[in-house]
Protein backbone atom coordinates (compact mmCIF):
# COMPACT_ATOMS: atom_id res chain seq x y z
CA MET A 1 -30.07 -13.04 -25.87
CA PHE A 2 -29.47 -14.53 -29.34
CA ASN A 3 -30.49 -11.46 -30.81
CA ILE A 4 -27.92 -9.32 -28.77
CA TYR A 5 -25.15 -12.21 -29.69
CA ARG A 6 -26.07 -11.86 -33.44
CA THR A 7 -26.37 -8.17 -33.33
CA TYR A 8 -22.97 -7.78 -31.75
CA LYS A 9 -20.93 -10.93 -33.01
CA ASN A 10 -18.56 -9.35 -35.02
CA HIS A 11 -17.56 -6.54 -32.28
CA PHE A 12 -17.46 -9.15 -29.57
CA SER A 13 -14.91 -11.04 -31.61
CA LYS A 14 -13.05 -7.68 -32.58
CA VAL A 15 -13.00 -6.60 -29.06
CA LEU A 16 -11.98 -9.96 -27.64
CA GLN A 17 -9.09 -10.48 -30.21
CA LEU A 18 -7.79 -7.20 -28.93
CA SER A 19 -8.57 -7.80 -25.03
CA TYR A 20 -7.09 -11.25 -24.79
CA PRO A 21 -3.56 -10.61 -24.82
CA ILE A 22 -3.90 -7.56 -23.01
CA ILE A 23 -5.95 -9.60 -20.31
CA ILE A 24 -3.21 -12.45 -20.26
CA GLY A 25 -0.53 -9.28 -19.86
CA GLN A 26 -2.75 -7.73 -17.26
CA ILE A 27 -3.05 -11.29 -15.17
CA GLY A 28 0.56 -11.28 -15.36
CA ILE A 29 1.07 -8.23 -13.65
CA VAL A 30 -1.40 -8.77 -10.96
CA LEU A 31 0.14 -12.13 -10.35
CA MET A 32 3.39 -10.32 -9.64
CA GLY A 33 1.61 -8.99 -6.78
CA VAL A 34 -0.49 -11.83 -5.59
CA ALA A 35 3.21 -13.82 -5.74
CA ASP A 36 4.73 -10.97 -3.61
CA ILE A 37 1.65 -11.33 -0.91
CA VAL A 38 1.68 -15.16 -0.88
CA MET A 39 5.18 -15.42 -0.56
CA ILE A 40 5.29 -12.69 2.01
CA GLY A 41 2.55 -14.05 3.63
CA ARG A 42 4.36 -16.98 4.69
CA VAL A 43 6.89 -15.21 6.60
CA ASP A 44 4.18 -13.41 9.23
CA ALA A 45 1.48 -11.04 9.45
CA THR A 46 3.61 -8.01 10.01
CA ASN A 47 5.51 -8.53 6.91
CA LEU A 48 2.18 -8.81 5.01
CA ALA A 49 0.71 -5.84 6.55
CA ALA A 50 3.83 -3.93 5.67
CA ALA A 51 3.36 -5.33 1.87
CA GLY A 52 -0.05 -4.02 1.82
CA LEU A 53 0.44 -0.83 2.97
CA ALA A 54 3.65 -0.42 0.75
CA ASN A 55 1.55 -1.33 -2.31
CA SER A 56 -1.38 0.76 -1.42
CA VAL A 57 1.03 4.08 -1.34
CA TYR A 58 3.14 3.20 -4.08
CA PHE A 59 0.43 2.24 -6.59
CA LEU A 60 -1.55 5.23 -5.43
CA ILE A 61 0.76 7.45 -6.88
CA THR A 62 2.72 5.38 -9.86
CA ILE A 63 -1.28 5.06 -11.00
CA LEU A 64 -1.13 8.57 -12.06
CA GLY A 65 1.66 7.64 -14.56
CA ILE A 66 0.01 4.38 -15.51
CA GLY A 67 -3.43 6.10 -16.19
CA THR A 68 -1.71 9.19 -18.06
CA LEU A 69 0.24 6.32 -20.29
CA THR A 70 -3.08 4.69 -21.70
CA ALA A 71 -4.16 7.76 -23.47
CA ILE A 72 -1.42 6.43 -26.12
CA SER A 73 -2.96 3.41 -27.19
CA PRO A 74 -6.09 5.07 -28.30
CA LEU A 75 -4.69 7.99 -29.79
CA VAL A 76 -2.18 5.66 -31.78
CA ALA A 77 -5.20 3.58 -33.05
CA LYS A 78 -7.05 7.09 -34.23
CA ALA A 79 -4.02 7.99 -35.83
CA LYS A 80 -3.71 4.41 -37.72
CA GLY A 81 -7.28 4.66 -38.52
CA SER A 82 -7.29 7.98 -40.01
CA GLY A 83 -3.75 6.84 -42.04
CA HIS A 84 -1.71 9.50 -40.23
CA VAL A 85 1.80 7.05 -40.28
CA ASN A 86 4.01 10.15 -39.01
CA GLU A 87 1.77 10.61 -36.09
CA VAL A 88 1.87 7.51 -35.14
CA ALA A 89 5.65 7.18 -35.33
CA LEU A 90 6.06 10.30 -33.09
CA PHE A 91 3.47 8.94 -30.66
CA PHE A 92 6.17 6.10 -30.04
CA ARG A 93 8.59 8.97 -29.25
CA GLN A 94 6.77 11.05 -27.09
CA GLY A 95 5.30 8.17 -25.21
CA ILE A 96 8.94 7.51 -23.96
CA TRP A 97 9.81 11.00 -23.26
CA ALA A 98 6.21 11.48 -21.38
CA SER A 99 7.23 8.11 -19.24
CA ILE A 100 10.66 9.74 -18.45
CA ALA A 101 9.29 13.02 -17.30
CA LEU A 102 6.43 11.00 -15.16
CA SER A 103 8.89 8.98 -13.31
CA ALA A 104 10.71 11.77 -12.26
CA PHE A 105 7.72 13.48 -11.08
CA ILE A 106 6.27 10.31 -9.44
CA GLY A 107 9.63 9.36 -7.63
CA ILE A 108 9.92 12.71 -5.92
CA ILE A 109 6.55 12.42 -4.53
CA LEU A 110 7.02 8.58 -3.49
CA PHE A 111 10.41 9.58 -2.18
CA VAL A 112 8.61 12.20 0.49
CA LEU A 113 6.12 10.09 1.16
CA THR A 114 8.44 7.34 2.02
CA ILE A 115 10.62 9.21 4.41
CA ASN A 116 7.35 10.45 6.21
CA LEU A 117 5.73 7.42 6.41
CA GLU A 118 4.44 8.11 9.93
CA TRP A 119 1.87 10.29 8.49
CA PHE A 120 -0.10 7.31 7.83
CA GLY A 121 -0.63 6.37 11.42
CA GLN A 122 0.35 2.77 11.16
CA SER A 123 2.08 0.61 13.77
CA GLU A 124 5.90 1.17 14.37
CA ASP A 125 6.69 -2.21 13.06
CA VAL A 126 5.03 -2.24 9.83
CA THR A 127 6.07 1.40 9.22
CA LYS A 128 9.64 0.48 9.40
CA LEU A 129 9.43 -2.43 6.89
CA THR A 130 7.57 -0.48 4.77
CA LYS A 131 10.09 2.35 4.52
CA SER A 132 12.95 0.16 3.03
CA TYR A 133 10.62 -1.94 0.85
CA LEU A 134 9.17 1.41 -0.94
CA HIS A 135 12.45 3.03 -1.29
CA ILE A 136 13.41 -0.49 -3.50
CA LEU A 137 10.08 -0.29 -5.36
CA ASN A 138 10.83 3.51 -6.39
CA ALA A 139 14.11 2.70 -7.87
CA GLY A 140 12.16 0.56 -10.47
CA THR A 141 9.24 2.97 -11.23
CA VAL A 142 11.05 4.48 -14.19
CA PHE A 143 11.34 1.21 -15.84
CA MET A 144 7.60 0.13 -15.30
CA LEU A 145 6.50 3.35 -17.22
CA LEU A 146 9.10 2.73 -19.98
CA PHE A 147 7.47 -0.70 -20.22
CA MET A 148 4.03 0.73 -20.00
CA ALA A 149 4.66 3.47 -22.87
CA ALA A 150 6.12 0.84 -25.64
CA LYS A 151 3.15 -1.73 -24.43
CA GLN A 152 0.61 0.99 -25.05
CA PHE A 153 2.15 1.91 -28.50
CA SER A 154 1.95 -1.85 -29.68
CA ASP A 155 -1.58 -2.12 -28.21
CA GLY A 156 -2.57 0.99 -30.09
CA LEU A 157 -1.43 -0.90 -33.30
CA SER A 158 -3.58 -3.82 -32.44
CA ILE A 159 -0.54 -6.02 -31.59
CA THR A 160 -1.27 -7.10 -28.63
CA LYS A 161 0.56 -10.33 -27.97
CA PRO A 162 4.21 -9.20 -27.37
CA SER A 163 3.43 -7.50 -24.36
CA ALA A 164 1.28 -10.27 -22.96
CA ILE A 165 4.38 -12.59 -23.74
CA ILE A 166 7.02 -10.47 -22.01
CA THR A 167 4.93 -9.98 -18.85
CA ILE A 168 4.31 -13.41 -18.51
CA ALA A 169 7.99 -14.29 -18.68
CA GLY A 170 8.56 -11.46 -16.33
CA LEU A 171 6.28 -13.28 -13.81
CA LEU A 172 7.85 -16.41 -13.86
CA PHE A 173 11.17 -13.91 -13.36
CA ASN A 174 9.85 -12.53 -10.56
CA VAL A 175 8.50 -15.48 -8.90
CA PHE A 176 11.85 -17.26 -9.05
CA TRP A 177 13.87 -14.32 -7.57
CA ASN A 178 11.13 -13.75 -5.00
CA TYR A 179 12.02 -17.22 -3.63
CA VAL A 180 15.69 -16.97 -3.99
CA LEU A 181 15.47 -13.24 -2.05
CA ILE A 182 12.91 -13.76 0.54
CA TYR A 183 13.72 -16.89 1.75
CA GLY A 184 17.53 -16.42 1.14
CA LYS A 185 17.98 -19.82 -1.49
CA PHE A 186 21.13 -20.60 -3.56
CA GLY A 187 23.67 -18.59 -1.06
CA PHE A 188 21.69 -15.41 -1.15
CA PRO A 189 20.67 -13.58 1.98
CA LYS A 190 17.56 -13.96 3.51
CA LEU A 191 16.07 -10.37 2.67
CA LEU A 192 12.23 -11.07 3.43
CA LEU A 193 10.00 -8.35 2.06
CA ASP A 194 13.28 -6.22 0.87
CA GLY A 195 14.00 -9.09 -1.35
CA ALA A 196 10.39 -9.04 -2.78
CA GLY A 197 11.41 -5.41 -3.59
CA TYR A 198 14.52 -6.03 -5.31
CA ALA A 199 12.88 -8.87 -7.06
CA THR A 200 10.08 -6.54 -8.89
CA SER A 201 12.74 -3.70 -9.93
CA VAL A 202 14.81 -5.95 -11.39
CA THR A 203 11.95 -7.54 -13.37
CA ARG A 204 10.78 -4.36 -14.56
CA LEU A 205 14.55 -3.21 -15.62
CA VAL A 206 14.37 -6.58 -17.89
CA MET A 207 10.50 -5.98 -19.03
CA ALA A 208 11.19 -2.79 -20.33
CA ILE A 209 14.27 -3.43 -22.07
CA ALA A 210 12.82 -6.41 -23.95
CA MET A 211 9.40 -4.55 -24.88
CA ILE A 212 11.52 -1.16 -26.18
CA GLY A 213 14.09 -3.63 -27.75
CA TYR A 214 11.32 -5.77 -29.54
CA VAL A 215 9.35 -2.89 -30.80
CA LEU A 216 12.69 -1.56 -32.49
CA TRP A 217 13.86 -4.68 -33.70
CA HIS A 218 10.88 -6.47 -35.30
CA PRO A 219 10.04 -5.88 -39.01
CA MET A 220 6.40 -5.56 -38.13
CA TYR A 221 6.81 -2.12 -36.63
CA LYS A 222 9.12 -0.52 -38.94
CA GLN A 223 6.06 1.01 -41.30
CA TRP A 224 5.05 2.76 -37.92
CA LEU A 225 8.21 4.12 -36.67
CA ARG A 226 9.39 6.15 -39.71
CA VAL A 227 9.21 9.80 -38.73
CA LYS A 228 8.71 12.24 -41.74
CA ASP A 229 7.98 15.56 -39.93
CA LYS A 230 9.16 16.53 -36.54
CA SER A 231 7.41 19.71 -36.27
CA VAL A 232 4.29 18.27 -34.62
CA GLY A 233 6.19 16.20 -32.05
CA VAL A 234 5.60 18.75 -29.46
CA LYS A 235 1.82 19.07 -30.09
CA LEU A 236 1.38 15.15 -29.85
CA PHE A 237 3.26 15.56 -26.58
CA LYS A 238 0.94 17.97 -25.10
CA GLU A 239 -1.82 15.84 -26.27
CA VAL A 240 -0.76 12.44 -24.68
CA PHE A 241 -1.27 14.56 -21.34
CA VAL A 242 -4.26 16.48 -22.15
CA VAL A 243 -6.10 13.16 -22.66
CA GLY A 244 -4.02 11.33 -20.44
CA VAL A 245 -3.66 13.28 -17.31
CA PRO A 246 -7.71 13.09 -16.68
CA SER A 247 -7.24 9.46 -17.16
CA GLY A 248 -4.55 9.29 -14.76
CA MET A 249 -6.61 11.35 -12.36
CA GLN A 250 -9.68 8.65 -12.95
CA TYR A 251 -7.28 5.79 -11.91
CA PHE A 252 -5.93 7.93 -8.90
CA PHE A 253 -8.98 8.68 -7.61
CA GLU A 254 -10.22 4.98 -7.65
CA VAL A 255 -6.93 3.63 -6.19
CA GLY A 256 -6.69 6.39 -4.04
CA ALA A 257 -9.81 5.39 -2.30
CA PHE A 258 -9.08 1.52 -2.08
CA ALA A 259 -5.49 2.96 -0.54
CA THR A 260 -7.48 5.19 1.80
CA ALA A 261 -9.74 2.36 2.68
CA ALA A 262 -6.24 0.16 3.47
CA ILE A 263 -5.07 3.25 5.81
CA MET A 264 -8.48 3.57 7.58
CA ILE A 265 -8.57 -0.18 8.07
CA GLY A 266 -4.83 -0.16 9.33
CA TRP A 267 -6.19 1.97 12.17
CA PHE A 268 -8.45 -0.66 13.75
CA SER A 269 -5.53 -3.23 13.36
CA LYS A 270 -2.79 -4.94 11.52
CA GLU A 271 -4.87 -8.24 11.20
CA GLN A 272 -7.94 -6.21 9.76
CA LEU A 273 -5.25 -4.76 7.24
CA ALA A 274 -3.92 -8.22 6.28
CA ALA A 275 -7.20 -9.43 5.70
CA HIS A 276 -8.18 -6.55 3.68
CA GLN A 277 -4.93 -6.72 1.32
CA ILE A 278 -5.79 -10.68 0.82
CA ALA A 279 -9.22 -9.93 -0.14
CA ILE A 280 -8.14 -6.75 -2.34
CA ASN A 281 -5.27 -8.76 -3.83
CA LEU A 282 -7.58 -11.42 -5.29
CA ALA A 283 -10.44 -8.81 -6.18
CA SER A 284 -7.63 -7.05 -8.05
CA VAL A 285 -7.36 -10.33 -10.35
CA THR A 286 -10.64 -9.74 -11.99
CA TYR A 287 -10.52 -6.07 -11.76
CA MET A 288 -7.60 -6.30 -13.98
CA ILE A 289 -9.17 -8.51 -16.75
CA ALA A 290 -11.76 -6.28 -16.88
CA THR A 291 -9.19 -3.28 -17.61
CA GLY A 292 -7.96 -5.55 -20.57
CA ILE A 293 -11.50 -5.81 -22.14
CA ALA A 294 -11.65 -1.93 -21.16
CA ALA A 295 -8.25 -1.65 -23.25
CA GLY A 296 -9.59 -3.64 -26.10
CA GLY A 297 -13.00 -1.41 -26.18
CA SER A 298 -10.65 1.84 -26.12
CA ILE A 299 -8.58 0.83 -29.30
CA ALA A 300 -11.71 -0.45 -31.25
CA VAL A 301 -13.58 2.96 -30.34
CA GLY A 302 -10.58 4.93 -31.10
CA ASP A 303 -9.98 3.04 -34.59
CA ALA A 304 -13.62 3.50 -35.13
CA TRP A 305 -13.29 7.15 -34.40
CA GLY A 306 -10.33 7.64 -36.61
CA ARG A 307 -12.11 5.79 -39.36
CA LYS A 308 -15.28 8.22 -38.70
CA ASN A 309 -17.60 4.96 -38.22
CA LYS A 310 -20.19 5.87 -35.91
CA GLU A 311 -22.32 2.67 -35.80
CA ASP A 312 -19.02 0.73 -35.73
CA LEU A 313 -18.08 3.03 -32.64
CA MET A 314 -21.31 2.42 -30.94
CA LYS A 315 -21.33 -1.08 -31.19
CA SER A 316 -17.51 -1.74 -30.35
CA GLY A 317 -18.34 0.23 -27.05
CA ARG A 318 -21.46 -1.95 -26.15
CA ALA A 319 -19.89 -5.28 -27.00
CA ALA A 320 -17.07 -4.58 -24.55
CA LEU A 321 -19.59 -3.25 -21.87
CA ILE A 322 -21.62 -6.81 -22.62
CA LEU A 323 -18.64 -8.64 -21.97
CA SER A 324 -17.60 -6.95 -19.26
CA VAL A 325 -21.20 -8.18 -17.41
CA VAL A 326 -20.88 -11.73 -18.54
CA PHE A 327 -17.11 -12.10 -17.14
CA MET A 328 -17.55 -10.46 -13.83
CA GLY A 329 -20.90 -11.92 -13.42
CA VAL A 330 -19.01 -15.41 -13.29
CA THR A 331 -16.35 -14.14 -11.21
CA ALA A 332 -19.25 -13.24 -8.60
CA LEU A 333 -20.30 -16.69 -8.13
CA VAL A 334 -16.78 -17.76 -8.11
CA PHE A 335 -16.00 -15.52 -5.10
CA ALA A 336 -19.10 -16.24 -3.43
CA VAL A 337 -18.88 -20.31 -3.65
CA PHE A 338 -14.66 -20.70 -3.31
CA ASN A 339 -14.11 -17.62 -0.81
CA GLN A 340 -12.48 -20.02 1.98
CA PHE A 341 -10.64 -21.56 -0.58
CA PHE A 342 -9.10 -18.72 -2.02
CA VAL A 343 -7.97 -17.24 1.20
CA GLY A 344 -6.56 -20.37 2.13
CA LEU A 345 -4.01 -19.97 -0.51
CA TYR A 346 -2.38 -16.78 1.30
CA ILE A 347 -2.17 -17.56 5.04
CA ASP A 348 -2.80 -20.08 7.91
CA ASP A 349 -3.97 -17.48 10.54
CA THR A 350 -7.51 -18.54 10.96
CA TYR A 351 -8.56 -14.99 12.48
CA VAL A 352 -7.36 -13.24 9.24
CA ALA A 353 -8.30 -15.86 7.00
CA GLY A 354 -11.95 -15.54 8.47
CA MET A 355 -12.35 -11.72 7.81
CA ALA A 356 -10.83 -12.07 4.26
CA ALA A 357 -13.15 -14.94 3.50
CA ASN A 358 -16.08 -12.68 4.32
CA LEU A 359 -14.65 -9.89 2.49
CA LEU A 360 -14.62 -11.63 -0.83
CA LEU A 361 -18.43 -12.10 -0.30
CA ILE A 362 -18.97 -8.37 -0.26
CA ALA A 363 -16.46 -8.50 -3.27
CA ALA A 364 -18.78 -10.91 -4.66
CA LEU A 365 -21.47 -7.90 -4.68
CA PHE A 366 -19.77 -5.34 -6.43
CA GLN A 367 -18.20 -7.34 -9.37
CA LEU A 368 -20.73 -6.26 -11.77
CA SER A 369 -20.53 -2.41 -10.81
CA ASP A 370 -16.57 -2.62 -10.96
CA GLY A 371 -16.52 -4.13 -14.28
CA ILE A 372 -18.87 -1.67 -15.89
CA GLN A 373 -17.36 1.22 -14.61
CA CYS A 374 -14.17 0.13 -15.55
CA VAL A 375 -15.08 -0.91 -19.19
CA SER A 376 -17.03 2.50 -19.30
CA LEU A 377 -14.01 4.28 -18.55
CA GLY A 378 -12.13 2.79 -21.29
CA VAL A 379 -14.70 2.85 -24.08
CA LEU A 380 -14.85 6.90 -23.13
CA ARG A 381 -10.99 7.36 -23.63
CA GLY A 382 -11.45 5.62 -26.88
CA LEU A 383 -13.80 8.73 -27.74
CA ALA A 384 -11.16 11.04 -25.79
CA ASP A 385 -13.60 11.90 -23.23
CA THR A 386 -11.79 12.04 -20.00
CA LYS A 387 -12.78 15.10 -17.97
CA MET A 388 -16.71 14.27 -17.41
CA PRO A 389 -15.53 10.75 -16.42
CA THR A 390 -12.88 12.34 -13.78
CA ALA A 391 -15.70 14.18 -12.20
CA ILE A 392 -17.89 10.94 -11.81
CA THR A 393 -15.20 8.98 -10.19
CA ILE A 394 -14.26 11.97 -7.88
CA VAL A 395 -18.11 11.93 -6.78
CA ALA A 396 -18.14 8.01 -6.74
CA TYR A 397 -15.38 7.45 -4.45
CA TRP A 398 -14.65 10.54 -2.34
CA VAL A 399 -18.14 11.87 -2.00
CA ILE A 400 -20.01 8.52 -1.81
CA GLY A 401 -17.60 5.55 -0.98
CA ILE A 402 -15.13 6.98 1.32
CA PRO A 403 -17.37 9.06 3.90
CA ILE A 404 -19.97 6.56 3.85
CA GLY A 405 -17.57 3.63 4.55
CA TRP A 406 -16.06 5.57 7.42
CA LEU A 407 -19.31 6.39 8.75
CA LEU A 408 -20.46 2.68 8.51
CA ALA A 409 -17.05 1.61 9.85
CA LYS A 410 -16.79 4.25 13.02
CA TYR A 411 -20.18 4.73 14.01
CA ALA A 412 -21.75 1.64 13.01
CA ASN A 413 -19.30 -0.47 14.44
CA TRP A 414 -18.99 -2.54 11.12
CA GLY A 415 -15.15 -2.10 10.93
CA LEU A 416 -13.32 -3.01 7.80
CA TYR A 417 -16.80 -4.34 6.17
CA GLY A 418 -18.21 -0.91 6.73
CA ILE A 419 -15.56 0.45 4.24
CA TRP A 420 -16.05 -2.15 2.13
CA PHE A 421 -19.89 -1.57 1.79
CA GLY A 422 -19.12 2.33 1.22
CA LEU A 423 -16.69 1.39 -1.77
CA SER A 424 -19.32 -0.80 -2.95
CA LEU A 425 -21.91 1.95 -3.19
CA GLY A 426 -19.42 4.32 -4.89
CA LEU A 427 -18.57 1.65 -7.43
CA THR A 428 -22.06 1.11 -8.18
CA PHE A 429 -22.86 4.89 -8.99
CA SER A 430 -19.91 5.06 -11.21
CA ALA A 431 -21.05 2.30 -13.02
CA ILE A 432 -24.35 3.62 -13.86
CA MET A 433 -23.44 7.26 -14.45
CA LEU A 434 -20.35 6.12 -16.77
CA THR A 435 -22.58 4.13 -19.00
CA ILE A 436 -25.16 6.59 -19.15
CA ARG A 437 -22.20 8.98 -20.28
CA PHE A 438 -21.23 6.76 -23.23
CA ILE A 439 -24.64 6.12 -24.72
CA LYS A 440 -24.85 9.69 -24.58
CA GLU A 441 -21.59 10.51 -26.24
CA SER A 442 -21.78 7.80 -28.71
CA ARG A 443 -25.22 8.74 -29.91
CA ALA A 444 -24.03 12.29 -30.43
CA PHE A 445 -20.46 11.14 -32.04
CA ASN A 446 -20.84 13.36 -35.06
CA VAL A 447 -20.89 16.86 -32.99
CA VAL A 448 -18.47 15.38 -30.31
CA GLN A 449 -16.12 14.63 -33.25
CA GLN A 450 -16.36 18.00 -34.52
CA GLN A 451 -15.77 19.70 -31.25
CA LYS A 452 -12.62 17.34 -30.51
CA GLU A 453 -11.14 18.21 -33.68
CA GLN A 454 -11.29 22.06 -33.15
CA PHE A 455 -9.84 21.50 -29.65
CA ALA A 456 -6.90 19.83 -31.34
CA ASP A 457 -6.40 22.67 -33.64
CA LEU A 458 -6.30 24.94 -30.42
CA ILE A 459 -3.77 22.48 -29.21
CA ASN A 460 -1.81 22.90 -32.13
CA GLU A 461 -2.02 26.55 -32.66
């Protein structure tokens, strides 16, 4: 153990320095969802189930945009490491345009799904509440993606603290307006679930203005915003999508699997759906911390690629993977020991709380797999390796996770527990295969690098 620490000490430090502000920001983003669920859960189980369905559908689609934009940070890190200042500046502009294009595409899909929400086969009262809430969330999508584009640009420059501060401020803003609009305080109407939607969308607008404004205003960004040659702008815009779309699909297949799980669980009962929403909300907190480590690893690997330093690249990626194992191991123990305490923060209904507490025990089992597969995707993204990892996620969730989960739920009569066990198997498969992929690709870095550069030349032509 000591030899591992001594070997990777400097890389642990680098990844953590990059990751911890991102982690704080990721926790802030998740806590916005937690705040919505906790405050809605105090209304009744029907509103809680509607919030769960809406968030499942919403993030199933918007994750395509969020995932695509995650390509910006390693691309910026690589351009910075290579000394290509003009490319760095253009990535900021192209990232903004990419976020606007993505929000238009996503907004249309969400609108169609919302007006046809009956397709998901949920109860009438849940469907009615979900429709209104989804329309309100959809209105704030463009602001969320604009914030993400500016955040990814800043993260790629290894300036990760501003977005974390803005996110935490946004969390406090969101909680306050949730309180005001859900429960009708200070003379405002009592809007219940719709109130949470308005609070979330306005918060995203404020965060987008704050993040973009900070990048444009603060002196430390000025040297990275000077565009000298616009001729390669179209090429870089394409590169964001060439690297980013497979990343977006990775997230889509994972989030899609959990969204599908929520829909299937809703076929059993709204109480089981409410229990699932509580457990998945808690599990998402640890997952988002893992995505922070993944982002730090991605930036470190991308920077090492730009500097053509193979040893640094390999050790940065492995350090990120080791950190994920340590962290997720701790959270597994926390979920196993304090499952009932955490569930008690959400709801008073003993039947729903009992199921949610059992689900947290299953969540404890898949913590290591979830963290490893998440960080593996991140460090592979730093190598601009996204196509094969996408194929692995398809198999993990849609060939293994969902089918086995449904068989256990329906034919073994395990209900929602069967679906969760199936997803656990998918996560484990993904973790093993993606780790092997990174080890193989990092060892063959010189060959991979040459192939990537040849591919970039083809894009330019």
